[in-house]
Amino acid sequence: MPYAVFLDLDGTLLSWKKPKFSDDTLKILTKAQANGHKIFLNTARPLSNIPVDDFRGFRFDGYLCGCAYINVGGKVLMADGLSADQSQPIAAHFYNRDIPVLLEGEYAVYALWDKNPNPKFIPLDDMGEIFKVCELEPITKISILADIPEEDIAFVRQFGNPLVHQQHHYTEIVPPGHDKAYVMKAVVDYLELDPKKVIAIGDSENDLAMLDAAEIPVVMGNAADTVKKHGKHVTLSVDEDGVAAFLERFLEI
């Protein structure tokens, strides 16, 4: 019986040392698909920031992006986002305090501060432009490149109670009820996959919901110990091709 494999991207498939799929990763994922297994990308990145060139020609069976967007076989199953009533006041709150903000949309990622970390991100330094983007483009996620205190989390939750995922010096704000488990379950239900044949592989705090919801949770060797507690299996690190190592052994390919 084929398995459905849901893979995180950053820290799981790619890293600073390994910015593209390695030969082993490409070979094992390709062999897994050829053997009938389904391979899905389940990343916190929005659709607009998926580095397709880094996949070296590999095509996933589905793309789950930003906890709110799903594309399976070229068909969009979900395209949720934060409304303008949510994204505008949240963006303004942090922008006016000079706290780095990213508006992550389906079409582009917008950097709301002077030190743009990525030349592909579009800089915005005018509140009118910021509000226009929030009004006209589906914003999948707002990222705050800082730890935020409880009073800021309470402020954010005033606007429709979006989910707030905190990691080290990084905070993600996504539509209410949305996380990596939510979109994974939507794909499993849509394709009528066997829940007992679901593998999830990740490395960070925003993967915990996905790991806890999967029958076979696998944690990368580079993950923190608090994350490793959520795995039935721990594989090698991302720089040691941990995904390829686990799948080759577990799927016997």
Protein backbone atom coordinates (compact mmCIF):
# COMPACT_ATOMS: atom_id res chain seq x y z
CA MET A 1 0.00 0.00 0.00
CA PRO A 2 1.50 3.38 -1.01
CA TYR A 3 2.33 5.99 1.62
CA ALA A 4 1.60 9.72 1.61
CA VAL A 5 4.68 11.70 2.64
CA PHE A 6 4.34 15.31 3.83
CA LEU A 7 7.66 17.17 3.93
CA ASP A 8 8.66 20.43 5.53
CA LEU A 9 11.09 22.51 3.46
CA ASP A 10 13.48 24.69 5.49
CA GLY A 11 15.62 22.64 7.85
CA THR A 12 14.18 19.41 6.43
CA LEU A 13 14.83 19.38 2.69
CA LEU A 14 16.96 22.53 2.35
CA SER A 15 19.43 24.42 4.52
CA TRP A 16 22.03 27.17 4.20
CA LYS A 17 24.65 24.51 3.47
CA LYS A 18 22.33 22.60 1.18
CA PRO A 19 20.30 25.20 -0.77
CA LYS A 20 19.23 22.75 -3.51
CA PHE A 21 18.10 19.14 -3.58
CA SER A 22 21.10 16.85 -3.35
CA ASP A 23 21.57 13.93 -5.72
CA ASP A 24 20.42 11.52 -2.98
CA THR A 25 17.31 13.56 -2.17
CA LEU A 26 16.35 13.84 -5.83
CA LYS A 27 16.97 10.12 -6.44
CA ILE A 28 14.96 8.86 -3.44
CA LEU A 29 11.99 11.19 -3.90
CA THR A 30 11.84 10.26 -7.60
CA LYS A 31 12.02 6.54 -6.80
CA ALA A 32 9.33 6.89 -4.13
CA GLN A 33 6.95 8.48 -6.65
CA ALA A 34 7.77 5.83 -9.23
CA ASN A 35 6.78 3.20 -6.65
CA GLY A 36 3.38 4.81 -6.21
CA HIS A 37 3.98 6.87 -3.07
CA LYS A 38 2.63 10.44 -2.93
CA ILE A 39 5.09 13.18 -2.00
CA PHE A 40 3.72 16.52 -0.75
CA LEU A 41 5.49 19.72 0.23
CA ASN A 42 4.04 21.14 3.47
CA THR A 43 5.88 24.39 4.11
CA ALA A 44 5.18 27.54 6.08
CA ARG A 45 6.43 29.54 3.09
CA PRO A 46 3.73 31.16 0.96
CA LEU A 47 3.22 30.09 -2.64
CA SER A 48 5.11 33.17 -3.86
CA ASN A 49 8.27 32.09 -2.03
CA ILE A 50 8.54 28.46 -3.16
CA PRO A 51 12.04 27.95 -4.69
CA VAL A 52 11.03 25.60 -7.51
CA ASP A 53 14.45 25.86 -9.18
CA ASP A 54 16.04 24.39 -6.07
CA PHE A 55 14.01 21.18 -6.55
CA ARG A 56 16.07 20.33 -9.66
CA GLY A 57 13.10 19.28 -11.76
CA PHE A 58 11.31 17.28 -9.07
CA ARG A 59 7.55 17.85 -8.99
CA PHE A 60 5.64 17.27 -5.80
CA ASP A 61 2.21 15.67 -5.93
CA GLY A 62 0.90 18.66 -4.06
CA TYR A 63 2.02 21.98 -2.59
CA LEU A 64 0.74 23.01 0.84
CA CYS A 65 1.92 26.56 1.47
CA GLY A 66 1.70 28.92 4.42
CA CYS A 67 -0.83 26.74 6.27
CA ALA A 68 -3.56 28.23 4.06
CA TYR A 69 -2.96 27.27 0.41
CA ILE A 70 -3.21 23.85 -1.27
CA ASN A 71 -2.53 22.91 -4.88
CA VAL A 72 -2.78 19.22 -5.79
CA GLY A 73 -2.09 18.14 -9.35
CA GLY A 74 -2.54 21.71 -10.61
CA LYS A 75 -5.92 22.13 -8.90
CA VAL A 76 -6.24 24.73 -6.16
CA LEU A 77 -8.10 23.14 -3.26
CA MET A 78 -7.63 25.95 -0.75
CA ALA A 79 -6.61 29.60 -0.97
CA ASP A 80 -7.42 31.11 2.39
CA GLY A 81 -5.80 34.17 3.88
CA LEU A 82 -6.01 36.99 6.34
CA SER A 83 -8.66 39.57 5.47
CA ALA A 84 -7.79 43.25 5.09
CA ASP A 85 -9.58 43.86 8.40
CA GLN A 86 -7.04 41.52 9.99
CA SER A 87 -3.84 42.22 8.08
CA GLN A 88 -4.03 46.04 7.96
CA PRO A 89 -4.12 46.76 11.72
CA ILE A 90 -1.62 44.00 12.50
CA ALA A 91 0.86 45.24 9.88
CA ALA A 92 0.44 48.85 11.01
CA HIS A 93 0.92 47.92 14.67
CA PHE A 94 4.39 46.47 14.11
CA TYR A 95 5.47 48.71 11.23
CA ASN A 96 4.86 51.86 13.30
CA ARG A 97 7.12 50.46 16.02
CA ASP A 98 9.97 49.65 13.57
CA ILE A 99 9.58 45.92 14.14
CA PRO A 100 10.46 43.93 10.96
CA VAL A 101 7.36 42.63 9.19
CA LEU A 102 6.81 40.44 6.13
CA LEU A 103 3.46 40.33 4.35
CA GLU A 104 3.52 36.95 2.62
CA GLY A 105 1.05 36.80 -0.25
CA GLU A 106 0.20 34.39 -3.03
CA TYR A 107 1.88 36.61 -5.61
CA ALA A 108 4.76 38.24 -3.71
CA VAL A 109 6.39 38.76 -0.33
CA TYR A 110 6.56 42.35 0.92
CA ALA A 111 9.20 43.60 3.37
CA LEU A 112 7.99 46.40 5.64
CA TRP A 113 11.34 47.69 6.84
CA ASP A 114 14.57 49.15 5.48
CA LYS A 115 16.81 46.08 5.78
CA ASN A 116 15.18 43.85 3.19
CA PRO A 117 16.58 40.34 3.84
CA ASN A 118 15.90 39.03 0.34
CA PRO A 119 16.19 40.83 -3.02
CA LYS A 120 13.10 38.93 -4.21
CA PHE A 121 10.96 40.59 -1.53
CA ILE A 122 9.23 43.84 -2.51
CA PRO A 123 10.00 46.72 -0.11
CA LEU A 124 7.10 48.81 1.21
CA ASP A 125 7.74 51.97 3.23
CA ASP A 126 4.45 53.81 2.85
CA MET A 127 1.37 53.04 4.95
CA GLY A 128 -0.93 53.70 2.01
CA GLU A 129 0.91 51.10 -0.09
CA ILE A 130 0.85 48.66 2.80
CA PHE A 131 -2.90 49.04 3.19
CA LYS A 132 -3.40 48.69 -0.58
CA VAL A 133 -1.50 45.40 -0.65
CA CYS A 134 -3.54 44.10 2.29
CA GLU A 135 -6.74 45.14 0.50
CA LEU A 136 -5.99 43.75 -2.95
CA GLU A 137 -3.72 40.72 -2.52
CA PRO A 138 -4.51 37.53 -0.57
CA ILE A 139 -2.13 37.62 2.42
CA THR A 140 -1.48 34.05 3.46
CA LYS A 141 0.67 34.90 6.47
CA ILE A 142 2.27 37.77 8.37
CA SER A 143 5.76 37.10 9.71
CA ILE A 144 7.28 39.19 12.48
CA LEU A 145 11.05 38.80 12.54
CA ALA A 146 11.23 39.08 16.32
CA ASP A 147 9.92 37.55 19.50
CA ILE A 148 6.77 39.38 20.54
CA PRO A 149 5.45 39.71 24.10
CA GLU A 150 2.09 38.49 25.37
CA GLU A 151 0.51 41.95 25.06
CA ASP A 152 1.31 41.97 21.32
CA ILE A 153 -0.10 38.46 20.92
CA ALA A 154 -3.29 39.63 22.67
CA PHE A 155 -3.46 42.62 20.30
CA VAL A 156 -3.12 40.36 17.24
CA ARG A 157 -5.82 38.00 18.46
CA GLN A 158 -8.35 40.84 18.63
CA PHE A 159 -8.66 40.59 14.84
CA GLY A 160 -10.52 37.35 14.24
CA ASN A 161 -8.28 35.30 16.56
CA PRO A 162 -5.59 34.27 14.02
CA LEU A 163 -3.13 31.59 15.05
CA VAL A 164 0.21 32.83 16.38
CA HIS A 165 3.18 30.47 16.04
CA GLN A 166 6.29 31.60 17.94
CA GLN A 167 9.78 30.33 17.21
CA HIS A 168 13.20 31.68 18.11
CA HIS A 169 13.20 35.38 17.10
CA TYR A 170 10.39 34.68 14.64
CA THR A 171 6.59 34.84 14.86
CA GLU A 172 4.08 33.61 12.27
CA ILE A 173 0.49 34.86 12.11
CA VAL A 174 -1.86 32.71 10.01
CA PRO A 175 -5.64 32.52 9.46
CA PRO A 176 -7.70 31.15 12.37
CA GLY A 177 -7.70 27.36 12.62
CA HIS A 178 -4.92 26.94 10.08
CA ASP A 179 -1.73 25.00 10.69
CA LYS A 180 0.24 22.31 8.89
CA ALA A 181 -2.02 19.58 10.30
CA TYR A 182 -5.12 21.36 8.95
CA VAL A 183 -3.89 21.46 5.36
CA MET A 184 -2.43 17.95 5.58
CA LYS A 185 -5.77 16.54 6.72
CA ALA A 186 -7.55 18.41 3.90
CA VAL A 187 -5.33 16.65 1.33
CA VAL A 188 -5.75 13.24 2.99
CA ASP A 189 -9.53 13.67 2.94
CA TYR A 190 -9.66 14.99 -0.62
CA LEU A 191 -7.56 12.17 -2.07
CA GLU A 192 -9.12 9.58 0.27
CA LEU A 193 -5.70 8.52 1.47
CA ASP A 194 -5.23 5.98 4.25
CA PRO A 195 -4.53 7.98 7.46
CA LYS A 196 -2.48 5.04 8.75
CA LYS A 197 -0.13 5.49 5.79
CA VAL A 198 0.71 9.14 6.40
CA ILE A 199 4.34 10.10 7.03
CA ALA A 200 5.22 13.63 8.18
CA ILE A 201 8.82 14.85 8.36
CA GLY A 202 9.84 18.14 9.96
CA ASP A 203 12.31 19.91 12.20
CA SER A 204 10.77 22.91 13.96
CA GLU A 205 8.02 24.16 16.24
CA ASN A 206 5.67 25.00 13.39
CA ASP A 207 5.84 21.33 12.34
CA LEU A 208 4.51 20.04 15.67
CA ALA A 209 0.84 19.99 14.66
CA MET A 210 1.70 18.09 11.47
CA LEU A 211 3.90 15.63 13.36
CA ASP A 212 1.29 15.02 16.04
CA ALA A 213 -1.44 14.44 13.43
CA ALA A 214 0.55 11.93 11.34
CA GLU A 215 0.56 8.20 11.98
CA ILE A 216 4.31 8.15 11.28
CA PRO A 217 5.99 11.34 12.56
CA VAL A 218 9.67 11.70 11.69
CA VAL A 219 11.93 14.40 13.13
CA MET A 220 15.17 15.62 11.59
CA GLY A 221 18.44 15.13 13.46
CA ASN A 222 19.02 18.90 13.45
CA ALA A 223 15.78 19.55 15.35
CA ALA A 224 15.67 20.73 18.96
CA ASP A 225 15.12 18.11 21.63
CA THR A 226 11.66 19.56 22.33
CA VAL A 227 10.68 18.78 18.73
CA LYS A 228 12.28 15.33 18.73
CA LYS A 229 9.89 14.29 21.51
CA HIS A 230 7.08 14.45 18.94
CA GLY A 231 8.61 11.86 16.57
CA LYS A 232 8.32 8.11 16.42
CA HIS A 233 11.51 8.22 14.39
CA VAL A 234 14.52 10.55 14.34
CA THR A 235 16.55 10.59 11.14
CA LEU A 236 19.84 12.23 10.14
CA SER A 237 20.19 16.00 9.83
CA VAL A 238 19.18 17.96 6.76
CA ASP A 239 22.82 18.37 5.74
CA GLU A 240 23.22 14.58 5.93
CA ASP A 241 20.16 14.01 3.68
CA GLY A 242 18.02 12.78 6.55
CA VAL A 243 14.83 12.68 4.45
CA ALA A 244 16.44 10.47 1.81
CA ALA A 245 18.01 8.23 4.45
CA PHE A 246 14.70 7.62 6.22
CA LEU A 247 12.57 7.11 3.12
CA GLU A 248 15.06 4.77 1.48
CA ARG A 249 15.03 2.55 4.56
CA PHE A 250 11.38 2.82 5.56
CA LEU A 251 9.91 2.51 2.06
CA GLU A 252 12.55 -0.09 1.06
CA ILE A 253 13.43 1.68 -2.18
